[in-house]
């Protein structure tokens, strides 16, 4: 298992979203920077009113998991720290 760390503020929620619900700019960024990637999961970080303030996207790039954060418009913000579980 792989774990990504993304702190959310109080009254924020992390909700799964379909790839086609993401801002188009996220798809462009991924194509330009991670050619051949595989989308694993996508989440909206919603504030207390239910408005998406950020998006978290988990992809596989050359079989390596990568967690990325984008703002509400789809602009890249940062790569998330991740750790693999020890078993």
PDB file of N, CA and C in Angstrom:
ATOM      1  N   UNK A   1       0.827  -1.180   0.000  1.00  0.00           N
ATOM      2  CA  UNK A   1       0.000   0.000   0.000  1.00  0.00           C
ATOM      3  C   UNK A   1       0.869   1.239   0.000  1.00  0.00           C
ATOM      4  N   UNK A   2       0.352   2.287  -0.607  1.00  0.00           N
ATOM      5  CA  UNK A   2       1.026   3.579  -0.634  1.00  0.00           C
ATOM      6  C   UNK A   2       0.118   4.601   0.014  1.00  0.00           C
ATOM      7  N   UNK A   3       0.678   5.469   0.838  1.00  0.00           N
ATOM      8  CA  UNK A   3      -0.072   6.502   1.530  1.00  0.00           C
ATOM      9  C   UNK A   3       0.453   7.864   1.123  1.00  0.00           C
ATOM     10  N   UNK A   4      -0.467   8.790   0.831  1.00  0.00           N
ATOM     11  CA  UNK A   4      -0.116  10.169   0.509  1.00  0.00           C
ATOM     12  C   UNK A   4      -0.599  11.061   1.631  1.00  0.00           C
ATOM     13  N   UNK A   5       0.152  12.115   1.923  1.00  0.00           N
ATOM     14  CA  UNK A   5      -0.170  13.025   3.010  1.00  0.00           C
ATOM     15  C   UNK A   5      -0.633  14.355   2.444  1.00  0.00           C
ATOM     16  N   UNK A   6      -1.893  14.708   2.739  1.00  0.00           N
ATOM     17  CA  UNK A   6      -2.446  15.997   2.329  1.00  0.00           C
ATOM     18  C   UNK A   6      -3.347  16.508   3.439  1.00  0.00           C
ATOM     19  N   UNK A   7      -2.850  17.445   4.249  1.00  0.00           N
ATOM     20  CA  UNK A   7      -3.681  17.958   5.334  1.00  0.00           C
ATOM     21  C   UNK A   7      -4.819  18.820   4.787  1.00  0.00           C
ATOM     22  N   UNK A   8      -5.996  18.622   5.330  1.00  0.00           N
ATOM     23  CA  UNK A   8      -7.155  19.431   4.974  1.00  0.00           C
ATOM     24  C   UNK A   8      -7.543  20.255   6.194  1.00  0.00           C
ATOM     25  N   UNK A   9      -8.079  21.431   5.949  1.00  0.00           N
ATOM     26  CA  UNK A   9      -8.530  22.270   7.043  1.00  0.00           C
ATOM     27  C   UNK A   9      -9.777  21.711   7.707  1.00  0.00           C
ATOM     28  N   UNK A  10     -10.096  22.267   8.855  1.00  0.00           N
ATOM     29  CA  UNK A  10     -11.310  21.866   9.558  1.00  0.00           C
ATOM     30  C   UNK A  10     -12.509  22.181   8.677  1.00  0.00           C
ATOM     31  N   UNK A  11     -13.492  21.322   8.668  1.00  0.00           N
ATOM     32  CA  UNK A  11     -14.712  21.455   7.868  1.00  0.00           C
ATOM     33  C   UNK A  11     -14.479  21.241   6.376  1.00  0.00           C
ATOM     34  N   UNK A  12     -13.347  20.676   5.996  1.00  0.00           N
ATOM     35  CA  UNK A  12     -13.094  20.308   4.603  1.00  0.00           C
ATOM     36  C   UNK A  12     -13.299  18.807   4.457  1.00  0.00           C
ATOM     37  N   UNK A  13     -13.699  18.394   3.275  1.00  0.00           N
ATOM     38  CA  UNK A  13     -13.877  16.967   3.020  1.00  0.00           C
ATOM     39  C   UNK A  13     -13.159  16.582   1.736  1.00  0.00           C
ATOM     40  N   UNK A  14     -12.773  15.338   1.659  1.00  0.00           N
ATOM     41  CA  UNK A  14     -12.097  14.788   0.486  1.00  0.00           C
ATOM     42  C   UNK A  14     -13.072  13.816  -0.165  1.00  0.00           C
ATOM     43  N   UNK A  15     -13.561  14.167  -1.360  1.00  0.00           N
ATOM     44  CA  UNK A  15     -14.575  13.372  -2.038  1.00  0.00           C
ATOM     45  C   UNK A  15     -14.069  12.888  -3.389  1.00  0.00           C
ATOM     46  N   UNK A  16     -14.297  11.611  -3.685  1.00  0.00           N
ATOM     47  CA  UNK A  16     -13.903  11.058  -4.985  1.00  0.00           C
ATOM     48  C   UNK A  16     -14.648  11.767  -6.101  1.00  0.00           C
ATOM     49  N   UNK A  17     -13.941  11.985  -7.222  1.00  0.00           N
ATOM     50  CA  UNK A  17     -14.555  12.557  -8.419  1.00  0.00           C
ATOM     51  C   UNK A  17     -14.096  11.761  -9.632  1.00  0.00           C
ATOM     52  N   UNK A  18     -14.926  11.758 -10.656  1.00  0.00           N
ATOM     53  CA  UNK A  18     -14.566  11.105 -11.918  1.00  0.00           C
ATOM     54  C   UNK A  18     -13.565  11.973 -12.672  1.00  0.00           C
ATOM     55  N   UNK A  19     -12.768  11.335 -13.502  1.00  0.00           N
ATOM     56  CA  UNK A  19     -11.753  12.055 -14.274  1.00  0.00           C
ATOM     57  C   UNK A  19     -12.370  13.160 -15.117  1.00  0.00           C
ATOM     58  N   UNK A  20     -13.554  12.900 -15.681  1.00  0.00           N
ATOM     59  CA  UNK A  20     -14.166  13.913 -16.539  1.00  0.00           C
ATOM     60  C   UNK A  20     -14.756  15.087 -15.755  1.00  0.00           C
ATOM     61  N   UNK A  21     -14.759  15.010 -14.418  1.00  0.00           N
ATOM     62  CA  UNK A  21     -15.226  16.115 -13.581  1.00  0.00           C
ATOM     63  C   UNK A  21     -14.088  17.056 -13.181  1.00  0.00           C
ATOM     64  N   UNK A  22     -12.845  16.681 -13.512  1.00  0.00           N
ATOM     65  CA  UNK A  22     -11.687  17.521 -13.185  1.00  0.00           C
ATOM     66  C   UNK A  22     -11.595  18.689 -14.161  1.00  0.00           C
ATOM     67  N   UNK A  23     -11.042  19.830 -13.724  1.00  0.00           N
ATOM     68  CA  UNK A  23     -10.807  20.923 -14.664  1.00  0.00           C
ATOM     69  C   UNK A  23      -9.908  20.457 -15.815  1.00  0.00           C
ATOM     70  N   UNK A  24     -10.173  20.940 -17.006  1.00  0.00           N
ATOM     71  CA  UNK A  24      -9.414  20.535 -18.196  1.00  0.00           C
ATOM     72  C   UNK A  24      -7.919  20.799 -18.044  1.00  0.00           C
ATOM     73  N   UNK A  25      -7.557  21.836 -17.307  1.00  0.00           N
ATOM     74  CA  UNK A  25      -6.143  22.177 -17.131  1.00  0.00           C
ATOM     75  C   UNK A  25      -5.361  21.047 -16.460  1.00  0.00           C
ATOM     76  N   UNK A  26      -6.015  20.247 -15.632  1.00  0.00           N
ATOM     77  CA  UNK A  26      -5.334  19.130 -14.978  1.00  0.00           C
ATOM     78  C   UNK A  26      -4.940  18.086 -16.018  1.00  0.00           C
ATOM     79  N   UNK A  27      -5.851  17.755 -16.923  1.00  0.00           N
ATOM     80  CA  UNK A  27      -5.539  16.805 -17.989  1.00  0.00           C
ATOM     81  C   UNK A  27      -4.395  17.281 -18.862  1.00  0.00           C
ATOM     82  N   UNK A  28      -4.384  18.571 -19.175  1.00  0.00           N
ATOM     83  CA  UNK A  28      -3.306  19.141 -19.991  1.00  0.00           C
ATOM     84  C   UNK A  28      -1.975  19.023 -19.248  1.00  0.00           C
ATOM     85  N   UNK A  29      -1.972  19.373 -17.966  1.00  0.00           N
ATOM     86  CA  UNK A  29      -0.749  19.278 -17.172  1.00  0.00           C
ATOM     87  C   UNK A  29      -0.228  17.845 -17.139  1.00  0.00           C
ATOM     88  N   UNK A  30      -1.121  16.895 -16.911  1.00  0.00           N
ATOM     89  CA  UNK A  30      -0.695  15.500 -16.833  1.00  0.00           C
ATOM     90  C   UNK A  30      -0.140  15.014 -18.160  1.00  0.00           C
ATOM     91  N   UNK A  31      -0.782  15.345 -19.256  1.00  0.00           N
ATOM     92  CA  UNK A  31      -0.277  14.940 -20.579  1.00  0.00           C
ATOM     93  C   UNK A  31       1.088  15.555 -20.860  1.00  0.00           C
ATOM     94  N   UNK A  32       1.263  16.822 -20.486  1.00  0.00           N
ATOM     95  CA  UNK A  32       2.526  17.522 -20.755  1.00  0.00           C
ATOM     96  C   UNK A  32       3.673  17.043 -19.868  1.00  0.00           C
ATOM     97  N   UNK A  33       3.366  16.592 -18.655  1.00  0.00           N
ATOM     98  CA  UNK A  33       4.418  16.282 -17.690  1.00  0.00           C
ATOM     99  C   UNK A  33       4.549  14.811 -17.321  1.00  0.00           C
ATOM    100  N   UNK A  34       3.530  14.009 -17.627  1.00  0.00           N
ATOM    101  CA  UNK A  34       3.546  12.593 -17.268  1.00  0.00           C
ATOM    102  C   UNK A  34       3.006  11.757 -18.430  1.00  0.00           C
ATOM    103  N   UNK A  35       3.621  11.903 -19.577  1.00  0.00           N
ATOM    104  CA  UNK A  35       3.159  11.184 -20.765  1.00  0.00           C
ATOM    105  C   UNK A  35       3.067   9.686 -20.480  1.00  0.00           C
ATOM    106  N   UNK A  36       1.937   9.089 -20.829  1.00  0.00           N
ATOM    107  CA  UNK A  36       1.734   7.666 -20.610  1.00  0.00           C
ATOM    108  C   UNK A  36       1.278   7.308 -19.199  1.00  0.00           C
ATOM    109  N   UNK A  37       0.913   8.299 -18.411  1.00  0.00           N
ATOM    110  CA  UNK A  37       0.470   8.053 -17.035  1.00  0.00           C
ATOM    111  C   UNK A  37      -0.835   7.262 -17.014  1.00  0.00           C
ATOM    112  N   UNK A  38      -1.121   6.667 -15.865  1.00  0.00           N
ATOM    113  CA  UNK A  38      -2.396   6.003 -15.624  1.00  0.00           C
ATOM    114  C   UNK A  38      -3.056   6.675 -14.427  1.00  0.00           C
ATOM    115  N   UNK A  39      -4.274   7.156 -14.602  1.00  0.00           N
ATOM    116  CA  UNK A  39      -5.003   7.777 -13.504  1.00  0.00           C
ATOM    117  C   UNK A  39      -5.515   6.693 -12.565  1.00  0.00           C
ATOM    118  N   UNK A  40      -5.170   6.804 -11.302  1.00  0.00           N
ATOM    119  CA  UNK A  40      -5.628   5.846 -10.292  1.00  0.00           C
ATOM    120  C   UNK A  40      -6.888   6.356  -9.591  1.00  0.00           C
ATOM    121  N   UNK A  41      -6.822   7.581  -9.044  1.00  0.00           N
ATOM    122  CA  UNK A  41      -7.952   8.171  -8.328  1.00  0.00           C
ATOM    123  C   UNK A  41      -7.860   9.684  -8.410  1.00  0.00           C
ATOM    124  N   UNK A  42      -9.015  10.316  -8.250  1.00  0.00           N
ATOM    125  CA  UNK A  42      -9.066  11.776  -8.199  1.00  0.00           C
ATOM    126  C   UNK A  42     -10.039  12.182  -7.105  1.00  0.00           C
ATOM    127  N   UNK A  43      -9.695  13.255  -6.413  1.00  0.00           N
ATOM    128  CA  UNK A  43     -10.507  13.739  -5.298  1.00  0.00           C
ATOM    129  C   UNK A  43     -10.666  15.245  -5.390  1.00  0.00           C
ATOM    130  N   UNK A  44     -11.815  15.724  -4.944  1.00  0.00           N
ATOM    131  CA  UNK A  44     -12.027  17.157  -4.745  1.00  0.00           C
ATOM    132  C   UNK A  44     -11.889  17.415  -3.251  1.00  0.00           C
ATOM    133  N   UNK A  45     -11.160  18.456  -2.896  1.00  0.00           N
ATOM    134  CA  UNK A  45     -11.074  18.908  -1.509  1.00  0.00           C
ATOM    135  C   UNK A  45     -12.116  20.013  -1.389  1.00  0.00           C
ATOM    136  N   UNK A  46     -13.236  19.695  -0.733  1.00  0.00           N
ATOM    137  CA  UNK A  46     -14.361  20.618  -0.648  1.00  0.00           C
ATOM    138  C   UNK A  46     -14.380  21.351   0.681  1.00  0.00           C
ATOM    139  N   UNK A  47     -14.685  22.656   0.607  1.00  0.00           N
ATOM    140  CA  UNK A  47     -14.814  23.435   1.838  1.00  0.00           C
ATOM    141  C   UNK A  47     -16.181  23.179   2.468  1.00  0.00           C
ATOM    142  N   UNK A  48     -16.493  23.857   3.549  1.00  0.00           N
ATOM    143  CA  UNK A  48     -17.732  23.624   4.293  1.00  0.00           C
ATOM    144  C   UNK A  48     -18.981  23.850   3.447  1.00  0.00           C
ATOM    145  N   UNK A  49     -18.890  24.695   2.416  1.00  0.00           N
ATOM    146  CA  UNK A  49     -20.048  24.951   1.558  1.00  0.00           C
ATOM    147  C   UNK A  49     -20.171  23.935   0.427  1.00  0.00           C
ATOM    148  N   UNK A  50     -19.185  23.011   0.330  1.00  0.00           N
ATOM    149  CA  UNK A  50     -19.209  21.996  -0.721  1.00  0.00           C
ATOM    150  C   UNK A  50     -18.516  22.418  -2.004  1.00  0.00           C
ATOM    151  N   UNK A  51     -17.841  23.554  -1.984  1.00  0.00           N
ATOM    152  CA  UNK A  51     -17.122  24.061  -3.145  1.00  0.00           C
ATOM    153  C   UNK A  51     -15.708  23.492  -3.168  1.00  0.00           C
ATOM    154  N   UNK A  52     -15.279  22.991  -4.327  1.00  0.00           N
ATOM    155  CA  UNK A  52     -13.928  22.432  -4.453  1.00  0.00           C
ATOM    156  C   UNK A  52     -12.898  23.554  -4.381  1.00  0.00           C
ATOM    157  N   UNK A  53     -11.987  23.444  -3.422  1.00  0.00           N
ATOM    158  CA  UNK A  53     -10.913  24.424  -3.292  1.00  0.00           C
ATOM    159  C   UNK A  53      -9.615  23.895  -3.896  1.00  0.00           C
ATOM    160  N   UNK A  54      -9.496  22.584  -3.958  1.00  0.00           N
ATOM    161  CA  UNK A  54      -8.327  21.924  -4.544  1.00  0.00           C
ATOM    162  C   UNK A  54      -8.757  20.573  -5.096  1.00  0.00           C
ATOM    163  N   UNK A  55      -7.866  20.004  -5.910  1.00  0.00           N
ATOM    164  CA  UNK A  55      -8.040  18.644  -6.403  1.00  0.00           C
ATOM    165  C   UNK A  55      -6.775  17.868  -6.102  1.00  0.00           C
ATOM    166  N   UNK A  56      -6.938  16.626  -5.677  1.00  0.00           N
ATOM    167  CA  UNK A  56      -5.821  15.716  -5.459  1.00  0.00           C
ATOM    168  C   UNK A  56      -5.977  14.588  -6.471  1.00  0.00           C
ATOM    169  N   UNK A  57      -4.911  14.334  -7.218  1.00  0.00           N
ATOM    170  CA  UNK A  57      -4.932  13.311  -8.262  1.00  0.00           C
ATOM    171  C   UNK A  57      -3.810  12.323  -7.980  1.00  0.00           C
ATOM    172  N   UNK A  58      -4.135  11.036  -8.009  1.00  0.00           N
ATOM    173  CA  UNK A  58      -3.139   9.980  -7.841  1.00  0.00           C
ATOM    174  C   UNK A  58      -2.999   9.282  -9.184  1.00  0.00           C
ATOM    175  N   UNK A  59      -1.764   9.274  -9.691  1.00  0.00           N
ATOM    176  CA  UNK A  59      -1.478   8.632 -10.971  1.00  0.00           C
ATOM    177  C   UNK A  59      -0.363   7.613 -10.787  1.00  0.00           C
ATOM    178  N   UNK A  60      -0.194   6.779 -11.789  1.00  0.00           N
ATOM    179  CA  UNK A  60       0.988   5.926 -11.875  1.00  0.00           C
ATOM    180  C   UNK A  60       1.779   6.404 -13.070  1.00  0.00           C
ATOM    181  N   UNK A  61       3.041   6.714 -12.843  1.00  0.00           N
ATOM    182  CA  UNK A  61       3.970   7.131 -13.886  1.00  0.00           C
ATOM    183  C   UNK A  61       5.094   6.112 -13.904  1.00  0.00           C
ATOM    184  N   UNK A  62       5.161   5.310 -14.969  1.00  0.00           N
ATOM    185  CA  UNK A  62       6.150   4.228 -15.060  1.00  0.00           C
ATOM    186  C   UNK A  62       6.039   3.310 -13.840  1.00  0.00           C
ATOM    187  N   UNK A  63       4.815   2.955 -13.473  1.00  0.00           N
ATOM    188  CA  UNK A  63       4.516   2.062 -12.356  1.00  0.00           C
ATOM    189  C   UNK A  63       4.898   2.611 -10.983  1.00  0.00           C
ATOM    190  N   UNK A  64       5.124   3.914 -10.889  1.00  0.00           N
ATOM    191  CA  UNK A  64       5.438   4.564  -9.620  1.00  0.00           C
ATOM    192  C   UNK A  64       4.267   5.478  -9.257  1.00  0.00           C
ATOM    193  N   UNK A  65       3.691   5.338  -8.046  1.00  0.00           N
ATOM    194  CA  UNK A  65       2.578   6.198  -7.670  1.00  0.00           C
ATOM    195  C   UNK A  65       3.037   7.633  -7.416  1.00  0.00           C
ATOM    196  N   UNK A  66       2.241   8.582  -7.902  1.00  0.00           N
ATOM    197  CA  UNK A  66       2.534  10.001  -7.727  1.00  0.00           C
ATOM    198  C   UNK A  66       1.236  10.687  -7.319  1.00  0.00           C
ATOM    199  N   UNK A  67       1.281  11.463  -6.237  1.00  0.00           N
ATOM    200  CA  UNK A  67       0.133  12.251  -5.796  1.00  0.00           C
ATOM    201  C   UNK A  67       0.388  13.713  -6.112  1.00  0.00           C
ATOM    202  N   UNK A  68      -0.584  14.350  -6.765  1.00  0.00           N
ATOM    203  CA  UNK A  68      -0.431  15.737  -7.192  1.00  0.00           C
ATOM    204  C   UNK A  68      -1.591  16.570  -6.677  1.00  0.00           C
ATOM    205  N   UNK A  69      -1.311  17.831  -6.339  1.00  0.00           N
ATOM    206  CA  UNK A  69      -2.349  18.752  -5.869  1.00  0.00           C
ATOM    207  C   UNK A  69      -2.469  19.888  -6.869  1.00  0.00           C
ATOM    208  N   UNK A  70      -3.728  20.245  -7.177  1.00  0.00           N
ATOM    209  CA  UNK A  70      -4.051  21.332  -8.095  1.00  0.00           C
ATOM    210  C   UNK A  70      -5.038  22.265  -7.410  1.00  0.00           C
ATOM    211  N   UNK A  71      -5.029  23.540  -7.793  1.00  0.00           N
ATOM    212  CA  UNK A  71      -6.015  24.463  -7.231  1.00  0.00           C
ATOM    213  C   UNK A  71      -7.368  24.266  -7.914  1.00  0.00           C
ATOM    214  N   UNK A  72      -8.350  25.044  -7.545  1.00  0.00           N
ATOM    215  CA  UNK A  72      -9.714  24.883  -8.044  1.00  0.00           C
ATOM    216  C   UNK A  72      -9.826  25.082  -9.555  1.00  0.00           C
ATOM    217  N   UNK A  73      -8.899  25.842 -10.139  1.00  0.00           N
ATOM    218  CA  UNK A  73      -8.910  26.073 -11.584  1.00  0.00           C
ATOM    219  C   UNK A  73      -8.099  25.028 -12.346  1.00  0.00           C
ATOM    220  N   UNK A  74      -7.393  24.173 -11.618  1.00  0.00           N
ATOM    221  CA  UNK A  74      -6.599  23.130 -12.255  1.00  0.00           C
ATOM    222  C   UNK A  74      -5.133  23.463 -12.421  1.00  0.00           C
ATOM    223  N   UNK A  75      -4.664  24.500 -11.748  1.00  0.00           N
ATOM    224  CA  UNK A  75      -3.241  24.862 -11.793  1.00  0.00           C
ATOM    225  C   UNK A  75      -2.461  23.996 -10.814  1.00  0.00           C
ATOM    226  N   UNK A  76      -1.324  23.461 -11.274  1.00  0.00           N
ATOM    227  CA  UNK A  76      -0.485  22.607 -10.438  1.00  0.00           C
ATOM    228  C   UNK A  76       0.024  23.385  -9.229  1.00  0.00           C
ATOM    229  N   UNK A  77      -0.042  22.741  -8.045  1.00  0.00           N
ATOM    230  CA  UNK A  77       0.477  23.342  -6.818  1.00  0.00           C
ATOM    231  C   UNK A  77       1.703  22.607  -6.281  1.00  0.00           C
ATOM    232  N   UNK A  78       1.603  21.270  -6.139  1.00  0.00           N
ATOM    233  CA  UNK A  78       2.731  20.539  -5.565  1.00  0.00           C
ATOM    234  C   UNK A  78       2.541  19.023  -5.712  1.00  0.00           C
ATOM    235  N   UNK A  79       3.654  18.320  -5.490  1.00  0.00           N
ATOM    236  CA  UNK A  79       3.648  16.854  -5.431  1.00  0.00           C
ATOM    237  C   UNK A  79       3.523  16.487  -3.962  1.00  0.00           C
ATOM    238  N   UNK A  80       2.681  15.509  -3.666  1.00  0.00           N
ATOM    239  CA  UNK A  80       2.483  15.078  -2.286  1.00  0.00           C
ATOM    240  C   UNK A  80       3.572  14.107  -1.833  1.00  0.00           C
ATOM    241  N   UNK A  81       3.906  14.192  -0.563  1.00  0.00           N
ATOM    242  CA  UNK A  81       4.800  13.213   0.053  1.00  0.00           C
ATOM    243  C   UNK A  81       4.053  11.890   0.127  1.00  0.00           C
ATOM    244  N   UNK A  82       4.767  10.808  -0.120  1.00  0.00           N
ATOM    245  CA  UNK A  82       4.126   9.499   0.014  1.00  0.00           C
ATOM    246  C   UNK A  82       5.068   8.523   0.692  1.00  0.00           C
ATOM    247  N   UNK A  83       4.440   7.517   1.274  1.00  0.00           N
ATOM    248  CA  UNK A  83       5.190   6.436   1.934  1.00  0.00           C
ATOM    249  C   UNK A  83       4.517   5.127   1.607  1.00  0.00           C
ATOM    250  N   UNK A  84       5.308   4.092   1.540  1.00  0.00           N
ATOM    251  CA  UNK A  84       4.781   2.734   1.337  1.00  0.00           C
ATOM    252  C   UNK A  84       4.729   2.037   2.676  1.00  0.00           C
ATOM    253  N   UNK A  85       3.704   1.215   2.844  1.00  0.00           N
ATOM    254  CA  UNK A  85       3.600   0.484   4.097  1.00  0.00           C
ATOM    255  C   UNK A  85       4.664  -0.607   4.146  1.00  0.00           C
ATOM    256  N   UNK A  86       5.079  -0.952   5.320  1.00  0.00           N
ATOM    257  CA  UNK A  86       6.077  -2.003   5.502  1.00  0.00           C
ATOM    258  C   UNK A  86       5.359  -3.276   5.896  1.00  0.00           C
ATOM    259  N   UNK A  87       5.567  -4.313   5.165  1.00  0.00           N
ATOM    260  CA  UNK A  87       4.945  -5.602   5.492  1.00  0.00           C
ATOM    261  C   UNK A  87       5.941  -6.708   5.351  1.00  0.00           C
TER     262      UNK A  87
END
